[in-house]
Amino acid sequence: MSSENVRTSAGSRLSVCAARPATYDIAGFQALAWTEVGEITDLGEFGKEYNQVTHQPLRTRRVVKRKGSFNDGSITLPMARDSSDAGQALLSQAVDDDESYSYCIETQDHSKFFFTAQCMSFKTNIGGVDSITGKSAQLEIDNDILEANGVSFTLTYTAGANGAIVGQAVQNNVQQGSTGAPVYAQPANGYKFDQWSDGKTANPRSDGPVLASLAVSAAFVVV
């Protein structure tokens, strides 16, 4: 059993959009214009939960358990108050709007959870003298939570004759939207770097935001 795909929650974020998706699917949500909510300190837990229905027959004495109705869940969002944050402004708007807004939670590996929810409260927490002035939003999820797994790509750098690659020549599991590690095309004595096979001349180079796998080769010419 490998733990190489286990990640921390650092870098996770929540974004909001006042509009609903045209179609309630991943493509519909991805087409929305998102605004990140700043200064969130905890994204908590979320997910569907069923009510337990029980039956207690006299003869067997065993409690029979079944699923009844379900709730799509809720999320409490604590954050530091930022009066200039556009995402927090949308939450302030959402609490007085009877319409559900769209939300997206993105994790460290760029997986995304899409859903709509009613914003039931957006409270201010002043606290004491050593406290950061905070806000807290309560979201009640009102439809399915759709999960889009993070996409990763491979970056491959090779050297043609009379040179070598310095750095990580093969970079696996580079997450979509991130930037790869820099590499340098080092020429042999009497040669100089000319260009990469995709026409780029930056040396060293680092590619990003990565949207597809890449394989390029460095060419060298006589000095």
C-alpha atoms as a PDB file:
ATOM      1  CA  MET A   1       0.000   0.000   0.000  1.00  0.00           C
ATOM      2  CA  SER A   2       1.442   3.342  -1.098  1.00  0.00           C
ATOM      3  CA  SER A   3       0.882   6.756   0.502  1.00  0.00           C
ATOM      4  CA  GLU A   4       2.418   8.789  -2.320  1.00  0.00           C
ATOM      5  CA  ASN A   5      -0.968  10.264  -3.275  1.00  0.00           C
ATOM      6  CA  VAL A   6      -1.804  11.358   0.277  1.00  0.00           C
ATOM      7  CA  ARG A   7      -1.675  15.137   0.648  1.00  0.00           C
ATOM      8  CA  THR A   8      -2.231  17.804   3.266  1.00  0.00           C
ATOM      9  CA  SER A   9      -5.022  20.358   3.034  1.00  0.00           C
ATOM     10  CA  ALA A  10      -2.565  23.257   2.667  1.00  0.00           C
ATOM     11  CA  GLY A  11      -3.386  25.375  -0.372  1.00  0.00           C
ATOM     12  CA  SER A  12      -7.041  24.331  -0.543  1.00  0.00           C
ATOM     13  CA  ARG A  13      -9.477  27.091  -1.387  1.00  0.00           C
ATOM     14  CA  LEU A  14     -13.151  27.894  -1.900  1.00  0.00           C
ATOM     15  CA  SER A  15     -14.607  29.989  -4.697  1.00  0.00           C
ATOM     16  CA  VAL A  16     -18.121  31.287  -5.221  1.00  0.00           C
ATOM     17  CA  CYS A  17     -20.293  32.365  -8.144  1.00  0.00           C
ATOM     18  CA  ALA A  18     -23.675  34.077  -7.867  1.00  0.00           C
ATOM     19  CA  ALA A  19     -24.945  32.174 -10.916  1.00  0.00           C
ATOM     20  CA  ARG A  20     -26.065  28.571 -11.173  1.00  0.00           C
ATOM     21  CA  PRO A  21     -24.517  26.344 -13.863  1.00  0.00           C
ATOM     22  CA  ALA A  22     -26.440  26.103 -17.145  1.00  0.00           C
ATOM     23  CA  THR A  23     -26.287  22.312 -16.713  1.00  0.00           C
ATOM     24  CA  TYR A  24     -25.791  20.603 -13.360  1.00  0.00           C
ATOM     25  CA  ASP A  25     -22.638  18.724 -14.323  1.00  0.00           C
ATOM     26  CA  ILE A  26     -18.895  19.271 -14.104  1.00  0.00           C
ATOM     27  CA  ALA A  27     -18.739  21.022 -17.489  1.00  0.00           C
ATOM     28  CA  GLY A  28     -21.505  23.384 -16.417  1.00  0.00           C
ATOM     29  CA  PHE A  29     -19.706  24.333 -13.226  1.00  0.00           C
ATOM     30  CA  GLN A  30     -16.339  24.729 -14.949  1.00  0.00           C
ATOM     31  CA  ALA A  31     -17.884  27.264 -17.326  1.00  0.00           C
ATOM     32  CA  LEU A  32     -18.790  29.636 -14.487  1.00  0.00           C
ATOM     33  CA  ALA A  33     -16.805  32.754 -13.566  1.00  0.00           C
ATOM     34  CA  TRP A  34     -15.421  32.047 -10.087  1.00  0.00           C
ATOM     35  CA  THR A  35     -14.330  34.414  -7.327  1.00  0.00           C
ATOM     36  CA  GLU A  36     -12.093  33.042  -4.593  1.00  0.00           C
ATOM     37  CA  VAL A  37     -13.079  33.737  -0.978  1.00  0.00           C
ATOM     38  CA  GLY A  38      -9.985  34.961   0.835  1.00  0.00           C
ATOM     39  CA  GLU A  39      -8.631  34.278   4.322  1.00  0.00           C
ATOM     40  CA  ILE A  40     -10.565  31.024   4.985  1.00  0.00           C
ATOM     41  CA  THR A  41      -8.927  29.063   7.814  1.00  0.00           C
ATOM     42  CA  ASP A  42     -10.877  25.783   7.710  1.00  0.00           C
ATOM     43  CA  LEU A  43     -13.016  24.103   5.066  1.00  0.00           C
ATOM     44  CA  GLY A  44     -14.378  21.543   7.518  1.00  0.00           C
ATOM     45  CA  GLU A  45     -16.146  18.423   6.296  1.00  0.00           C
ATOM     46  CA  PHE A  46     -19.047  18.000   3.921  1.00  0.00           C
ATOM     47  CA  GLY A  47     -21.071  15.274   2.272  1.00  0.00           C
ATOM     48  CA  LYS A  48     -24.404  13.520   2.090  1.00  0.00           C
ATOM     49  CA  GLU A  49     -25.775  12.006   5.317  1.00  0.00           C
ATOM     50  CA  TYR A  50     -28.793   9.704   5.686  1.00  0.00           C
ATOM     51  CA  ASN A  51     -31.228   9.610   8.569  1.00  0.00           C
ATOM     52  CA  GLN A  52     -31.392   6.282  10.327  1.00  0.00           C
ATOM     53  CA  VAL A  53     -34.741   4.466  10.354  1.00  0.00           C
ATOM     54  CA  THR A  54     -35.102   1.635  12.854  1.00  0.00           C
ATOM     55  CA  HIS A  55     -37.470  -1.270  13.491  1.00  0.00           C
ATOM     56  CA  GLN A  56     -37.446  -3.305  16.700  1.00  0.00           C
ATOM     57  CA  PRO A  57     -39.203  -6.657  16.234  1.00  0.00           C
ATOM     58  CA  LEU A  58     -40.179  -8.373  19.490  1.00  0.00           C
ATOM     59  CA  ARG A  59     -39.237 -11.840  18.313  1.00  0.00           C
ATOM     60  CA  THR A  60     -35.572 -11.247  17.394  1.00  0.00           C
ATOM     61  CA  ARG A  61     -34.856  -8.270  19.692  1.00  0.00           C
ATOM     62  CA  ARG A  62     -32.373  -7.024  17.079  1.00  0.00           C
ATOM     63  CA  VAL A  63     -32.653  -3.412  15.997  1.00  0.00           C
ATOM     64  CA  VAL A  64     -33.137  -3.388  12.225  1.00  0.00           C
ATOM     65  CA  LYS A  65     -31.521  -0.349  10.646  1.00  0.00           C
ATOM     66  CA  ARG A  66     -32.314   1.194   7.280  1.00  0.00           C
ATOM     67  CA  LYS A  67     -31.685   4.444   5.460  1.00  0.00           C
ATOM     68  CA  GLY A  68     -34.392   7.076   5.357  1.00  0.00           C
ATOM     69  CA  SER A  69     -34.222  10.598   3.996  1.00  0.00           C
ATOM     70  CA  PHE A  70     -30.869  12.263   3.407  1.00  0.00           C
ATOM     71  CA  ASN A  71     -29.369  15.697   3.803  1.00  0.00           C
ATOM     72  CA  ASP A  72     -26.742  17.001   1.378  1.00  0.00           C
ATOM     73  CA  GLY A  73     -24.911  18.509   4.333  1.00  0.00           C
ATOM     74  CA  SER A  74     -23.605  21.859   5.446  1.00  0.00           C
ATOM     75  CA  ILE A  75     -20.284  23.654   5.770  1.00  0.00           C
ATOM     76  CA  THR A  76     -19.175  26.257   8.301  1.00  0.00           C
ATOM     77  CA  LEU A  77     -16.516  28.571   6.889  1.00  0.00           C
ATOM     78  CA  PRO A  78     -14.405  30.525   9.411  1.00  0.00           C
ATOM     79  CA  MET A  79     -12.203  33.257   7.971  1.00  0.00           C
ATOM     80  CA  ALA A  80     -10.440  36.486   8.826  1.00  0.00           C
ATOM     81  CA  ARG A  81     -12.478  39.541   7.883  1.00  0.00           C
ATOM     82  CA  ASP A  82     -11.208  41.352   4.793  1.00  0.00           C
ATOM     83  CA  SER A  83     -13.455  44.249   3.791  1.00  0.00           C
ATOM     84  CA  SER A  84     -11.809  44.481   0.364  1.00  0.00           C
ATOM     85  CA  ASP A  85     -12.151  40.783  -0.519  1.00  0.00           C
ATOM     86  CA  ALA A  86     -14.472  40.207  -3.500  1.00  0.00           C
ATOM     87  CA  GLY A  87     -15.317  36.670  -2.426  1.00  0.00           C
ATOM     88  CA  GLN A  88     -16.393  37.766   1.041  1.00  0.00           C
ATOM     89  CA  ALA A  89     -18.510  40.482  -0.565  1.00  0.00           C
ATOM     90  CA  LEU A  90     -20.339  37.789  -2.550  1.00  0.00           C
ATOM     91  CA  LEU A  91     -21.021  35.826   0.645  1.00  0.00           C
ATOM     92  CA  SER A  92     -22.433  38.983   2.205  1.00  0.00           C
ATOM     93  CA  GLN A  93     -24.681  39.310  -0.834  1.00  0.00           C
ATOM     94  CA  ALA A  94     -25.643  35.632  -0.781  1.00  0.00           C
ATOM     95  CA  VAL A  95     -26.957  35.698   2.785  1.00  0.00           C
ATOM     96  CA  ASP A  96     -29.721  38.123   1.758  1.00  0.00           C
ATOM     97  CA  ASP A  97     -30.484  36.338  -1.514  1.00  0.00           C
ATOM     98  CA  ASP A  98     -33.131  33.596  -1.658  1.00  0.00           C
ATOM     99  CA  GLU A  99     -31.310  32.007  -4.604  1.00  0.00           C
ATOM    100  CA  SER A 100     -28.657  29.335  -4.172  1.00  0.00           C
ATOM    101  CA  TYR A 101     -25.124  30.248  -5.255  1.00  0.00           C
ATOM    102  CA  SER A 102     -22.529  27.948  -6.820  1.00  0.00           C
ATOM    103  CA  TYR A 103     -19.430  26.903  -4.902  1.00  0.00           C
ATOM    104  CA  CYS A 104     -16.162  25.171  -5.761  1.00  0.00           C
ATOM    105  CA  ILE A 105     -13.678  23.697  -3.298  1.00  0.00           C
ATOM    106  CA  GLU A 106     -10.268  22.984  -4.805  1.00  0.00           C
ATOM    107  CA  THR A 107      -7.779  20.790  -2.950  1.00  0.00           C
ATOM    108  CA  GLN A 108      -3.990  20.721  -3.062  1.00  0.00           C
ATOM    109  CA  ASP A 109      -3.926  18.185  -5.909  1.00  0.00           C
ATOM    110  CA  HIS A 110      -6.346  20.389  -7.903  1.00  0.00           C
ATOM    111  CA  SER A 111      -9.306  18.065  -7.404  1.00  0.00           C
ATOM    112  CA  LYS A 112     -12.517  20.086  -7.338  1.00  0.00           C
ATOM    113  CA  PHE A 113     -15.830  19.685  -5.539  1.00  0.00           C
ATOM    114  CA  PHE A 114     -18.752  21.566  -7.104  1.00  0.00           C
ATOM    115  CA  PHE A 115     -22.143  22.198  -5.494  1.00  0.00           C
ATOM    116  CA  THR A 116     -24.875  24.761  -4.946  1.00  0.00           C
ATOM    117  CA  ALA A 117     -25.866  25.965  -1.493  1.00  0.00           C
ATOM    118  CA  GLN A 118     -27.936  28.450   0.439  1.00  0.00           C
ATOM    119  CA  CYS A 119     -25.859  30.895   2.472  1.00  0.00           C
ATOM    120  CA  MET A 120     -27.754  30.931   5.761  1.00  0.00           C
ATOM    121  CA  SER A 121     -25.516  33.327   7.697  1.00  0.00           C
ATOM    122  CA  PHE A 122     -22.442  35.512   7.385  1.00  0.00           C
ATOM    123  CA  LYS A 123     -21.536  36.642  10.872  1.00  0.00           C
ATOM    124  CA  THR A 124     -18.806  38.892  12.257  1.00  0.00           C
ATOM    125  CA  ASN A 125     -16.681  37.700  15.184  1.00  0.00           C
ATOM    126  CA  ILE A 126     -14.840  40.525  16.964  1.00  0.00           C
ATOM    127  CA  GLY A 127     -13.325  38.451  19.781  1.00  0.00           C
ATOM    128  CA  GLY A 128     -10.884  39.783  22.339  1.00  0.00           C
ATOM    129  CA  VAL A 129      -7.826  42.022  22.293  1.00  0.00           C
ATOM    130  CA  ASP A 130      -5.572  39.263  20.926  1.00  0.00           C
ATOM    131  CA  SER A 131      -8.064  38.081  18.294  1.00  0.00           C
ATOM    132  CA  ILE A 132      -8.140  38.538  14.541  1.00  0.00           C
ATOM    133  CA  THR A 133     -11.491  40.013  13.562  1.00  0.00           C
ATOM    134  CA  GLY A 134     -13.282  37.184  11.835  1.00  0.00           C
ATOM    135  CA  LYS A 135     -16.256  36.257   9.708  1.00  0.00           C
ATOM    136  CA  SER A 136     -18.128  32.977   9.547  1.00  0.00           C
ATOM    137  CA  ALA A 137     -20.420  31.721   6.798  1.00  0.00           C
ATOM    138  CA  GLN A 138     -22.883  28.848   7.092  1.00  0.00           C
ATOM    139  CA  LEU A 139     -23.637  27.045   3.824  1.00  0.00           C
ATOM    140  CA  GLU A 140     -26.477  24.544   3.468  1.00  0.00           C
ATOM    141  CA  ILE A 141     -25.777  22.347   0.431  1.00  0.00           C
ATOM    142  CA  ASP A 142     -28.951  21.749  -1.571  1.00  0.00           C
ATOM    143  CA  ASN A 143     -27.921  19.443  -4.408  1.00  0.00           C
ATOM    144  CA  ASP A 144     -25.426  16.743  -5.373  1.00  0.00           C
ATOM    145  CA  ILE A 145     -21.730  17.368  -4.728  1.00  0.00           C
ATOM    146  CA  LEU A 146     -19.820  16.697  -7.946  1.00  0.00           C
ATOM    147  CA  GLU A 147     -16.146  15.715  -7.739  1.00  0.00           C
ATOM    148  CA  ALA A 148     -13.636  16.291 -10.528  1.00  0.00           C
ATOM    149  CA  ASN A 149     -10.333  14.557  -9.792  1.00  0.00           C
ATOM    150  CA  GLY A 150      -7.142  16.516 -10.289  1.00  0.00           C
ATOM    151  CA  VAL A 151      -5.403  15.974 -13.634  1.00  0.00           C
ATOM    152  CA  SER A 152      -1.643  15.487 -13.856  1.00  0.00           C
ATOM    153  CA  PHE A 153       0.762  15.465 -16.772  1.00  0.00           C
ATOM    154  CA  THR A 154       4.334  14.425 -17.607  1.00  0.00           C
ATOM    155  CA  LEU A 155       7.047  16.825 -18.764  1.00  0.00           C
ATOM    156  CA  THR A 156       9.957  15.205 -20.615  1.00  0.00           C
ATOM    157  CA  TYR A 157      13.139  17.041 -21.613  1.00  0.00           C
ATOM    158  CA  THR A 158      15.863  15.376 -23.701  1.00  0.00           C
ATOM    159  CA  ALA A 159      19.105  16.603 -25.231  1.00  0.00           C
ATOM    160  CA  GLY A 160      20.195  16.142 -28.806  1.00  0.00           C
ATOM    161  CA  ALA A 161      23.788  15.423 -29.805  1.00  0.00           C
ATOM    162  CA  ASN A 162      26.536  17.387 -28.050  1.00  0.00           C
ATOM    163  CA  GLY A 163      24.638  18.370 -24.952  1.00  0.00           C
ATOM    164  CA  ALA A 164      22.869  17.222 -21.787  1.00  0.00           C
ATOM    165  CA  ILE A 165      19.913  18.142 -19.597  1.00  0.00           C
ATOM    166  CA  VAL A 166      20.672  19.485 -16.138  1.00  0.00           C
ATOM    167  CA  GLY A 167      17.776  19.142 -13.731  1.00  0.00           C
ATOM    168  CA  GLN A 168      14.786  16.829 -13.578  1.00  0.00           C
ATOM    169  CA  ALA A 169      14.541  15.625 -17.168  1.00  0.00           C
ATOM    170  CA  VAL A 170      11.360  13.598 -16.610  1.00  0.00           C
ATOM    171  CA  GLN A 171       8.753  15.218 -14.363  1.00  0.00           C
ATOM    172  CA  ASN A 172       5.825  12.952 -13.562  1.00  0.00           C
ATOM    173  CA  ASN A 173       2.553  13.921 -11.889  1.00  0.00           C
ATOM    174  CA  VAL A 174       2.788  17.636 -12.625  1.00  0.00           C
ATOM    175  CA  GLN A 175      -0.632  18.938 -11.628  1.00  0.00           C
ATOM    176  CA  GLN A 176      -2.825  20.754 -14.122  1.00  0.00           C
ATOM    177  CA  GLY A 177      -2.331  24.495 -13.865  1.00  0.00           C
ATOM    178  CA  SER A 178       0.959  24.279 -11.972  1.00  0.00           C
ATOM    179  CA  THR A 179       4.505  25.016 -13.182  1.00  0.00           C
ATOM    180  CA  GLY A 180       7.181  22.410 -13.748  1.00  0.00           C
ATOM    181  CA  ALA A 181      10.675  22.466 -12.282  1.00  0.00           C
ATOM    182  CA  PRO A 182      13.306  24.389 -14.278  1.00  0.00           C
ATOM    183  CA  VAL A 183      15.747  22.490 -16.495  1.00  0.00           C
ATOM    184  CA  TYR A 184      18.889  23.639 -18.266  1.00  0.00           C
ATOM    185  CA  ALA A 185      20.225  22.480 -21.636  1.00  0.00           C
ATOM    186  CA  GLN A 186      23.992  22.314 -21.135  1.00  0.00           C
ATOM    187  CA  PRO A 187      26.127  22.251 -24.300  1.00  0.00           C
ATOM    188  CA  ALA A 188      29.305  20.224 -24.655  1.00  0.00           C
ATOM    189  CA  ASN A 189      32.644  21.989 -25.154  1.00  0.00           C
ATOM    190  CA  GLY A 190      32.727  23.756 -28.498  1.00  0.00           C
ATOM    191  CA  TYR A 191      28.944  23.914 -28.783  1.00  0.00           C
ATOM    192  CA  LYS A 192      26.183  26.256 -27.719  1.00  0.00           C
ATOM    193  CA  PHE A 193      22.481  25.833 -27.092  1.00  0.00           C
ATOM    194  CA  ASP A 194      20.342  26.679 -30.127  1.00  0.00           C
ATOM    195  CA  GLN A 195      16.668  26.019 -29.310  1.00  0.00           C
ATOM    196  CA  TRP A 196      14.106  23.503 -28.096  1.00  0.00           C
ATOM    197  CA  SER A 197      12.169  21.355 -30.534  1.00  0.00           C
ATOM    198  CA  ASP A 198       9.010  23.429 -29.894  1.00  0.00           C
ATOM    199  CA  GLY A 199      10.835  26.562 -31.046  1.00  0.00           C
ATOM    200  CA  LYS A 200      11.363  28.072 -27.600  1.00  0.00           C
ATOM    201  CA  THR A 201      14.771  29.526 -26.791  1.00  0.00           C
ATOM    202  CA  ALA A 202      14.547  30.077 -23.024  1.00  0.00           C
ATOM    203  CA  ASN A 203      17.389  28.293 -21.237  1.00  0.00           C
ATOM    204  CA  PRO A 204      16.856  27.407 -18.486  1.00  0.00           C
ATOM    205  CA  ARG A 205      13.145  26.866 -19.030  1.00  0.00           C
ATOM    206  CA  SER A 206      10.217  26.012 -16.771  1.00  0.00           C
ATOM    207  CA  ASP A 207       6.818  25.307 -18.241  1.00  0.00           C
ATOM    208  CA  GLY A 208       3.514  26.449 -16.816  1.00  0.00           C
ATOM    209  CA  PRO A 209       0.675  26.641 -16.329  1.00  0.00           C
ATOM    210  CA  VAL A 210       0.764  23.020 -17.489  1.00  0.00           C
ATOM    211  CA  LEU A 211      -2.350  22.016 -19.441  1.00  0.00           C
ATOM    212  CA  ALA A 212      -1.017  18.955 -21.289  1.00  0.00           C
ATOM    213  CA  SER A 213       1.921  16.570 -21.294  1.00  0.00           C
ATOM    214  CA  LEU A 214       5.061  17.864 -22.992  1.00  0.00           C
ATOM    215  CA  ALA A 215       8.079  16.249 -24.643  1.00  0.00           C
ATOM    216  CA  VAL A 216      10.810  18.483 -26.084  1.00  0.00           C
ATOM    217  CA  SER A 217      14.413  18.084 -27.123  1.00  0.00           C
ATOM    218  CA  ALA A 218      17.265  20.593 -26.946  1.00  0.00           C
ATOM    219  CA  ALA A 219      19.387  21.244 -30.035  1.00  0.00           C
ATOM    220  CA  PHE A 220      23.011  22.427 -29.992  1.00  0.00           C
ATOM    221  CA  VAL A 221      25.191  24.010 -32.681  1.00  0.00           C
ATOM    222  CA  VAL A 222      28.911  24.518 -33.119  1.00  0.00           C
ATOM    223  CA  VAL A 223      30.240  27.739 -31.610  1.00  0.00           C
END
